[in-house]
N, C-alpha and C. Protein backbone atom coordinates (compact mmCIF):
# COMPACT_ATOMS: atom_id res chain seq x y z
N MET A 1 196.53 169.11 253.39
CA MET A 1 197.60 168.14 253.43
C MET A 1 197.44 167.28 254.67
N GLY A 2 197.49 165.99 254.48
CA GLY A 2 197.27 165.07 255.60
C GLY A 2 198.54 164.75 256.33
N GLU A 3 198.38 164.40 257.58
CA GLU A 3 199.47 163.88 258.39
C GLU A 3 199.08 162.52 258.86
N TYR A 4 200.01 161.58 258.81
CA TYR A 4 199.73 160.21 259.12
C TYR A 4 200.69 159.63 260.12
N THR A 5 200.20 158.72 260.91
CA THR A 5 201.08 157.94 261.79
C THR A 5 201.60 156.77 260.97
N ILE A 6 202.54 156.05 261.53
CA ILE A 6 203.03 154.87 260.79
C ILE A 6 201.95 153.81 260.66
N LYS A 7 201.08 153.75 261.66
CA LYS A 7 199.94 152.79 261.59
C LYS A 7 198.99 153.17 260.47
N ASP A 8 198.76 154.45 260.29
CA ASP A 8 197.91 154.91 259.18
C ASP A 8 198.53 154.52 257.83
N LEU A 9 199.84 154.74 257.68
CA LEU A 9 200.51 154.40 256.45
C LEU A 9 200.43 152.89 256.19
N GLU A 10 200.57 152.12 257.25
CA GLU A 10 200.48 150.67 257.12
C GLU A 10 199.11 150.25 256.57
N LYS A 11 198.06 150.85 257.11
CA LYS A 11 196.71 150.53 256.64
C LYS A 11 196.46 150.99 255.20
N LEU A 12 196.92 152.20 254.88
CA LEU A 12 196.68 152.77 253.56
C LEU A 12 197.50 152.13 252.45
N SER A 13 198.73 151.78 252.78
CA SER A 13 199.63 151.25 251.74
C SER A 13 199.67 149.74 251.67
N GLY A 14 199.31 149.06 252.76
CA GLY A 14 199.41 147.63 252.82
C GLY A 14 200.81 147.13 253.13
N ILE A 15 201.72 148.06 253.45
CA ILE A 15 203.09 147.73 253.79
C ILE A 15 203.23 147.77 255.31
N LYS A 16 203.81 146.71 255.87
CA LYS A 16 203.95 146.62 257.32
C LYS A 16 204.80 147.78 257.88
N ALA A 17 204.46 148.20 259.09
CA ALA A 17 205.15 149.32 259.74
C ALA A 17 206.65 149.05 259.86
N HIS A 18 206.99 147.82 260.20
CA HIS A 18 208.41 147.47 260.34
C HIS A 18 209.16 147.68 259.02
N THR A 19 208.53 147.31 257.93
CA THR A 19 209.13 147.47 256.59
C THR A 19 209.28 148.94 256.26
N ILE A 20 208.28 149.74 256.60
CA ILE A 20 208.35 151.19 256.35
C ILE A 20 209.54 151.81 257.12
N ARG A 21 209.69 151.42 258.35
CA ARG A 21 210.82 151.94 259.14
C ARG A 21 212.16 151.53 258.53
N ILE A 22 212.30 150.27 258.14
CA ILE A 22 213.54 149.78 257.57
C ILE A 22 213.85 150.49 256.27
N TRP A 23 212.85 150.62 255.38
CA TRP A 23 213.06 151.33 254.10
C TRP A 23 213.50 152.76 254.35
N GLY A 24 212.94 153.37 255.36
CA GLY A 24 213.34 154.76 255.68
C GLY A 24 214.78 154.85 256.09
N LYS A 25 215.26 153.87 256.84
CA LYS A 25 216.67 153.86 257.30
C LYS A 25 217.62 153.41 256.18
N ARG A 26 217.33 152.32 255.53
CA ARG A 26 218.25 151.73 254.55
C ARG A 26 218.30 152.49 253.25
N TYR A 27 217.14 152.84 252.73
CA TYR A 27 217.07 153.36 251.37
C TYR A 27 216.70 154.86 251.31
N ASP A 28 216.42 155.43 252.44
CA ASP A 28 216.13 156.87 252.51
C ASP A 28 214.99 157.26 251.56
N ILE A 29 213.99 156.33 251.42
CA ILE A 29 212.83 156.59 250.56
C ILE A 29 211.99 157.72 251.13
N ILE A 30 211.73 157.65 252.41
CA ILE A 30 210.95 158.68 253.07
C ILE A 30 211.62 159.08 254.36
N THR A 31 211.46 160.33 254.74
CA THR A 31 212.01 160.82 256.00
C THR A 31 210.88 161.45 256.79
N PRO A 32 210.43 160.76 257.84
CA PRO A 32 209.29 161.30 258.58
C PRO A 32 209.68 162.51 259.42
N GLY A 33 208.69 163.35 259.62
CA GLY A 33 208.87 164.39 260.61
C GLY A 33 208.66 163.79 261.98
N ARG A 34 208.88 164.56 263.02
CA ARG A 34 208.71 164.05 264.36
C ARG A 34 207.84 165.00 265.18
N THR A 35 207.03 164.43 266.06
CA THR A 35 206.23 165.23 266.97
C THR A 35 207.11 165.64 268.16
N ASP A 36 206.56 166.43 269.05
CA ASP A 36 207.28 166.80 270.27
C ASP A 36 207.67 165.62 271.12
N THR A 37 206.88 164.57 271.01
CA THR A 37 207.14 163.35 271.79
C THR A 37 207.92 162.32 270.95
N ASN A 38 208.51 162.76 269.83
CA ASN A 38 209.40 161.97 268.99
C ASN A 38 208.69 160.85 268.21
N ARG A 39 207.42 160.99 267.97
CA ARG A 39 206.72 160.01 267.14
C ARG A 39 206.80 160.43 265.69
N ARG A 40 206.89 159.42 264.84
CA ARG A 40 206.99 159.69 263.40
C ARG A 40 205.66 160.24 262.88
N ARG A 41 205.77 161.25 261.96
CA ARG A 41 204.61 161.79 261.27
C ARG A 41 204.93 161.84 259.80
N TYR A 42 204.05 161.31 259.00
CA TYR A 42 204.25 161.24 257.56
C TYR A 42 203.26 162.15 256.83
N THR A 43 203.64 162.56 255.64
CA THR A 43 202.81 163.46 254.83
C THR A 43 202.20 162.71 253.64
N ASP A 44 201.36 163.42 252.91
CA ASP A 44 200.78 162.85 251.68
C ASP A 44 201.89 162.45 250.70
N LYS A 45 202.94 163.27 250.63
CA LYS A 45 204.07 163.01 249.75
C LYS A 45 204.76 161.69 250.11
N ASP A 46 204.92 161.46 251.41
CA ASP A 46 205.52 160.20 251.87
C ASP A 46 204.65 159.01 251.47
N LEU A 47 203.35 159.15 251.63
CA LEU A 47 202.42 158.09 251.25
C LEU A 47 202.51 157.78 249.77
N ARG A 48 202.56 158.82 248.96
CA ARG A 48 202.70 158.63 247.49
C ARG A 48 204.00 157.91 247.15
N LYS A 49 205.09 158.27 247.83
CA LYS A 49 206.38 157.61 247.56
C LYS A 49 206.32 156.13 247.90
N LEU A 50 205.62 155.77 248.97
CA LEU A 50 205.50 154.38 249.33
C LEU A 50 204.68 153.59 248.33
N ILE A 51 203.62 154.19 247.89
CA ILE A 51 202.71 153.49 246.96
C ILE A 51 203.31 153.44 245.55
N ASN A 52 203.96 154.53 245.14
CA ASN A 52 204.53 154.60 243.78
C ASN A 52 205.94 155.19 243.89
N PRO A 53 206.95 154.39 244.15
CA PRO A 53 208.28 154.90 244.43
C PRO A 53 209.10 155.40 243.23
N GLN A 54 208.50 155.72 242.14
CA GLN A 54 209.25 156.18 240.96
C GLN A 54 209.79 157.56 241.11
């Protein structure tokens, strides 16, 4: 299972990091985990939801 930064998700999905953050807050599509330093970490499941939100 992969772990991704928001920059990784941006590159893989083609969706800008700012948009990913906003969608997470407004629509609760994905909920990132956090590292000890409070950085967002995303999973394969989060990536799939971004690419195919059904």
